[in-house]
Amino acid sequence: MRQREHLDEATVACWVTFSGEAIRPLTLFVAPHALYLASGPLGPAKRAEIIALAAESRIPAIYSYRVFAVAGGLMSFAADGNDLFRRAAIFVDEILKGANPADLPVEEPTKFELVINLRAAKALGLTVPQSLLARADEVIE
């Protein structure tokens, strides 16, 4: 665990390798005001547990996959999966036409999606600013 002081707030990074089980003792130790969960491969499979733990702890959380907000999490901000697959299909097409994969450029995501779950916000007693709602790609009511 690393901790960094910034603007009188602590940022704590914690890596959980198998599920959200380590978040409960972490919340007892640092009492976070919010969480950002950058999920790995097991995250979507454990999303119900992770969302429930954040809700039970009454901690606003933002997730790195859209499915978390759809499943009841507060919000997600992530690269648009459809756009990533579309770009991947273009690379496959170029390779099948004879392009050398090593010659293809590495691309970072350019399209991101913000999803806000107002039911989760209400359950946490939060009011989401209209300016943020206006920027959302999807608002779940």
C-alpha atoms as a PDB file:
ATOM      1  CA  MET A   1       0.000   0.000   0.000  1.00  0.00           C
ATOM      2  CA  ARG A   2       1.319   3.458  -0.886  1.00  0.00           C
ATOM      3  CA  GLN A   3       0.074   6.715   0.506  1.00  0.00           C
ATOM      4  CA  ARG A   4       0.669  10.164  -0.924  1.00  0.00           C
ATOM      5  CA  GLU A   5      -0.380  13.459   0.630  1.00  0.00           C
ATOM      6  CA  HIS A   6      -1.950  15.986  -1.733  1.00  0.00           C
ATOM      7  CA  LEU A   7      -4.052  19.025  -0.892  1.00  0.00           C
ATOM      8  CA  ASP A   8      -4.669  17.780   2.656  1.00  0.00           C
ATOM      9  CA  GLU A   9      -6.181  14.577   1.306  1.00  0.00           C
ATOM     10  CA  ALA A  10      -4.569  11.150   1.292  1.00  0.00           C
ATOM     11  CA  THR A  11      -4.488   9.008  -1.821  1.00  0.00           C
ATOM     12  CA  VAL A  12      -4.123   5.339  -1.005  1.00  0.00           C
ATOM     13  CA  ALA A  13      -3.430   2.727  -3.646  1.00  0.00           C
ATOM     14  CA  CYS A  14      -4.374  -0.841  -2.746  1.00  0.00           C
ATOM     15  CA  TRP A  15      -4.105  -3.820  -5.049  1.00  0.00           C
ATOM     16  CA  VAL A  16      -6.616  -6.616  -4.497  1.00  0.00           C
ATOM     17  CA  THR A  17      -5.766  -9.671  -6.542  1.00  0.00           C
ATOM     18  CA  PHE A  18      -8.849 -11.843  -6.196  1.00  0.00           C
ATOM     19  CA  SER A  19     -11.890  -9.906  -4.987  1.00  0.00           C
ATOM     20  CA  GLY A  20     -12.999  -6.896  -3.001  1.00  0.00           C
ATOM     21  CA  GLU A  21     -12.371  -8.637   0.339  1.00  0.00           C
ATOM     22  CA  ALA A  22      -9.405  -6.382   1.206  1.00  0.00           C
ATOM     23  CA  ILE A  23     -11.502  -3.216   0.826  1.00  0.00           C
ATOM     24  CA  ARG A  24     -13.348  -3.763   4.134  1.00  0.00           C
ATOM     25  CA  PRO A  25     -10.207  -3.639   6.339  1.00  0.00           C
ATOM     26  CA  LEU A  26      -8.864  -0.828   4.167  1.00  0.00           C
ATOM     27  CA  THR A  27     -11.952   1.279   4.855  1.00  0.00           C
ATOM     28  CA  LEU A  28     -11.514   0.714   8.588  1.00  0.00           C
ATOM     29  CA  PHE A  29      -7.897   1.875   8.326  1.00  0.00           C
ATOM     30  CA  VAL A  30      -8.174   5.003   6.171  1.00  0.00           C
ATOM     31  CA  ALA A  31     -11.897   5.944   6.076  1.00  0.00           C
ATOM     32  CA  PRO A  32     -11.889   6.950   2.405  1.00  0.00           C
ATOM     33  CA  HIS A  33     -14.231   9.623   1.091  1.00  0.00           C
ATOM     34  CA  ALA A  34     -14.421   7.893  -2.296  1.00  0.00           C
ATOM     35  CA  LEU A  35     -13.028   4.940  -4.249  1.00  0.00           C
ATOM     36  CA  TYR A  36     -11.846   4.462  -7.794  1.00  0.00           C
ATOM     37  CA  LEU A  37     -11.811   0.787  -8.697  1.00  0.00           C
ATOM     38  CA  ALA A  38      -9.579   0.063 -11.670  1.00  0.00           C
ATOM     39  CA  SER A  39     -10.678  -3.505 -12.105  1.00  0.00           C
ATOM     40  CA  GLY A  40      -8.715  -6.367 -13.557  1.00  0.00           C
ATOM     41  CA  PRO A  41     -10.013  -9.528 -15.216  1.00  0.00           C
ATOM     42  CA  LEU A  42     -11.873 -10.769 -12.113  1.00  0.00           C
ATOM     43  CA  GLY A  43     -13.586  -7.435 -11.454  1.00  0.00           C
ATOM     44  CA  PRO A  44     -16.606  -7.918 -13.690  1.00  0.00           C
ATOM     45  CA  ALA A  45     -17.086 -11.452 -12.333  1.00  0.00           C
ATOM     46  CA  LYS A  46     -17.062 -10.112  -8.762  1.00  0.00           C
ATOM     47  CA  ARG A  47     -18.949  -6.896  -9.512  1.00  0.00           C
ATOM     48  CA  ALA A  48     -21.978  -7.685  -7.340  1.00  0.00           C
ATOM     49  CA  GLU A  49     -19.726  -8.244  -4.307  1.00  0.00           C
ATOM     50  CA  ILE A  50     -17.653  -5.139  -4.987  1.00  0.00           C
ATOM     51  CA  ILE A  51     -20.697  -2.892  -5.554  1.00  0.00           C
ATOM     52  CA  ALA A  52     -22.401  -4.247  -2.420  1.00  0.00           C
ATOM     53  CA  LEU A  53     -19.287  -3.650  -0.324  1.00  0.00           C
ATOM     54  CA  ALA A  54     -18.964  -0.037  -1.501  1.00  0.00           C
ATOM     55  CA  ALA A  55     -22.699   0.570  -0.895  1.00  0.00           C
ATOM     56  CA  GLU A  56     -22.621  -1.096   2.521  1.00  0.00           C
ATOM     57  CA  SER A  57     -19.624   1.068   3.473  1.00  0.00           C
ATOM     58  CA  ARG A  58     -21.488   4.130   2.091  1.00  0.00           C
ATOM     59  CA  ILE A  59     -18.482   5.050  -0.029  1.00  0.00           C
ATOM     60  CA  PRO A  60     -19.068   6.660  -3.444  1.00  0.00           C
ATOM     61  CA  ALA A  61     -17.166   4.647  -6.042  1.00  0.00           C
ATOM     62  CA  ILE A  62     -16.332   5.111  -9.685  1.00  0.00           C
ATOM     63  CA  TYR A  63     -15.534   2.020 -11.716  1.00  0.00           C
ATOM     64  CA  SER A  64     -13.449   1.307 -14.776  1.00  0.00           C
ATOM     65  CA  TYR A  65     -16.113  -0.773 -16.540  1.00  0.00           C
ATOM     66  CA  ARG A  66     -19.589   0.320 -17.664  1.00  0.00           C
ATOM     67  CA  VAL A  67     -21.149  -2.905 -16.356  1.00  0.00           C
ATOM     68  CA  PHE A  68     -20.514  -1.780 -12.773  1.00  0.00           C
ATOM     69  CA  ALA A  69     -22.737   1.304 -13.094  1.00  0.00           C
ATOM     70  CA  VAL A  70     -25.390  -0.692 -14.939  1.00  0.00           C
ATOM     71  CA  ALA A  71     -25.321  -3.294 -12.136  1.00  0.00           C
ATOM     72  CA  GLY A  72     -25.882  -0.676  -9.413  1.00  0.00           C
ATOM     73  CA  GLY A  73     -22.563   1.097  -8.899  1.00  0.00           C
ATOM     74  CA  LEU A  74     -22.506   4.882  -8.670  1.00  0.00           C
ATOM     75  CA  MET A  75     -20.701   5.644 -11.932  1.00  0.00           C
ATOM     76  CA  SER A  76     -18.169   4.439 -14.426  1.00  0.00           C
ATOM     77  CA  PHE A  77     -15.708   6.174 -16.695  1.00  0.00           C
ATOM     78  CA  ALA A  78     -14.055   3.915 -19.204  1.00  0.00           C
ATOM     79  CA  ALA A  79     -12.881   3.513 -22.744  1.00  0.00           C
ATOM     80  CA  ASP A  80     -15.840   2.768 -25.014  1.00  0.00           C
ATOM     81  CA  GLY A  81     -15.756  -1.005 -25.520  1.00  0.00           C
ATOM     82  CA  ASN A  82     -17.564  -0.883 -28.856  1.00  0.00           C
ATOM     83  CA  ASP A  83     -15.022   1.591 -30.188  1.00  0.00           C
ATOM     84  CA  LEU A  84     -12.137  -0.605 -28.982  1.00  0.00           C
ATOM     85  CA  PHE A  85     -13.581  -3.642 -30.768  1.00  0.00           C
ATOM     86  CA  ARG A  86     -14.192  -1.609 -33.917  1.00  0.00           C
ATOM     87  CA  ARG A  87     -10.549  -0.481 -33.901  1.00  0.00           C
ATOM     88  CA  ALA A  88      -9.387  -4.057 -33.286  1.00  0.00           C
ATOM     89  CA  ALA A  89     -11.409  -5.249 -36.294  1.00  0.00           C
ATOM     90  CA  ILE A  90      -9.637  -2.682 -38.473  1.00  0.00           C
ATOM     91  CA  PHE A  91      -6.264  -4.056 -37.319  1.00  0.00           C
ATOM     92  CA  VAL A  92      -7.370  -7.638 -38.030  1.00  0.00           C
ATOM     93  CA  ASP A  93      -8.489  -6.561 -41.507  1.00  0.00           C
ATOM     94  CA  GLU A  94      -5.117  -4.925 -42.198  1.00  0.00           C
ATOM     95  CA  ILE A  95      -3.219  -8.006 -40.999  1.00  0.00           C
ATOM     96  CA  LEU A  96      -5.375 -10.325 -43.134  1.00  0.00           C
ATOM     97  CA  LYS A  97      -4.590  -8.104 -46.114  1.00  0.00           C
ATOM     98  CA  GLY A  98      -0.875  -8.698 -45.498  1.00  0.00           C
ATOM     99  CA  ALA A  99       0.222  -5.915 -43.159  1.00  0.00           C
ATOM    100  CA  ASN A 100       3.016  -6.779 -40.747  1.00  0.00           C
ATOM    101  CA  PRO A 101       1.571  -6.537 -37.187  1.00  0.00           C
ATOM    102  CA  ALA A 102       4.838  -4.993 -35.966  1.00  0.00           C
ATOM    103  CA  ASP A 103       4.326  -2.119 -38.427  1.00  0.00           C
ATOM    104  CA  LEU A 104       0.863  -1.221 -37.129  1.00  0.00           C
ATOM    105  CA  PRO A 105       0.747   1.740 -34.737  1.00  0.00           C
ATOM    106  CA  VAL A 106      -0.073   1.351 -31.075  1.00  0.00           C
ATOM    107  CA  GLU A 107      -3.260   3.273 -30.377  1.00  0.00           C
ATOM    108  CA  GLU A 108      -4.646   4.552 -27.106  1.00  0.00           C
ATOM    109  CA  PRO A 109      -8.392   4.784 -26.600  1.00  0.00           C
ATOM    110  CA  THR A 110      -9.855   8.041 -27.883  1.00  0.00           C
ATOM    111  CA  LYS A 111     -13.511   7.565 -27.009  1.00  0.00           C
ATOM    112  CA  PHE A 112     -14.598   7.299 -23.386  1.00  0.00           C
ATOM    113  CA  GLU A 113     -17.984   6.752 -21.799  1.00  0.00           C
ATOM    114  CA  LEU A 114     -19.349   8.225 -18.559  1.00  0.00           C
ATOM    115  CA  VAL A 115     -22.301   6.379 -17.024  1.00  0.00           C
ATOM    116  CA  ILE A 116     -24.038   7.725 -13.901  1.00  0.00           C
ATOM    117  CA  ASN A 117     -26.472   5.709 -11.809  1.00  0.00           C
ATOM    118  CA  LEU A 118     -28.868   8.126 -10.074  1.00  0.00           C
ATOM    119  CA  ARG A 119     -30.448   5.323  -8.013  1.00  0.00           C
ATOM    120  CA  ALA A 120     -27.045   4.611  -6.469  1.00  0.00           C
ATOM    121  CA  ALA A 121     -26.459   8.335  -5.909  1.00  0.00           C
ATOM    122  CA  LYS A 122     -29.804   8.651  -4.120  1.00  0.00           C
ATOM    123  CA  ALA A 123     -29.032   5.619  -1.943  1.00  0.00           C
ATOM    124  CA  LEU A 124     -25.768   7.303  -0.907  1.00  0.00           C
ATOM    125  CA  GLY A 125     -27.529  10.627  -0.271  1.00  0.00           C
ATOM    126  CA  LEU A 126     -25.625  12.339  -3.084  1.00  0.00           C
ATOM    127  CA  THR A 127     -26.842  14.968  -5.510  1.00  0.00           C
ATOM    128  CA  VAL A 128     -25.116  14.742  -8.870  1.00  0.00           C
ATOM    129  CA  PRO A 129     -24.508  18.211 -10.344  1.00  0.00           C
ATOM    130  CA  GLN A 130     -26.433  19.003 -13.533  1.00  0.00           C
ATOM    131  CA  SER A 131     -23.144  19.908 -15.228  1.00  0.00           C
ATOM    132  CA  LEU A 132     -21.920  16.335 -14.691  1.00  0.00           C
ATOM    133  CA  LEU A 133     -25.236  14.806 -15.764  1.00  0.00           C
ATOM    134  CA  ALA A 134     -25.092  16.870 -18.972  1.00  0.00           C
ATOM    135  CA  ARG A 135     -21.708  15.342 -19.813  1.00  0.00           C
ATOM    136  CA  ALA A 136     -22.796  11.763 -19.140  1.00  0.00           C
ATOM    137  CA  ASP A 137     -23.226   9.388 -22.049  1.00  0.00           C
ATOM    138  CA  GLU A 138     -25.863   7.501 -20.085  1.00  0.00           C
ATOM    139  CA  VAL A 139     -27.843   8.319 -16.949  1.00  0.00           C
ATOM    140  CA  ILE A 140     -29.557   5.441 -15.172  1.00  0.00           C
ATOM    141  CA  GLU A 141     -32.643   6.623 -13.272  1.00  0.00           C
END
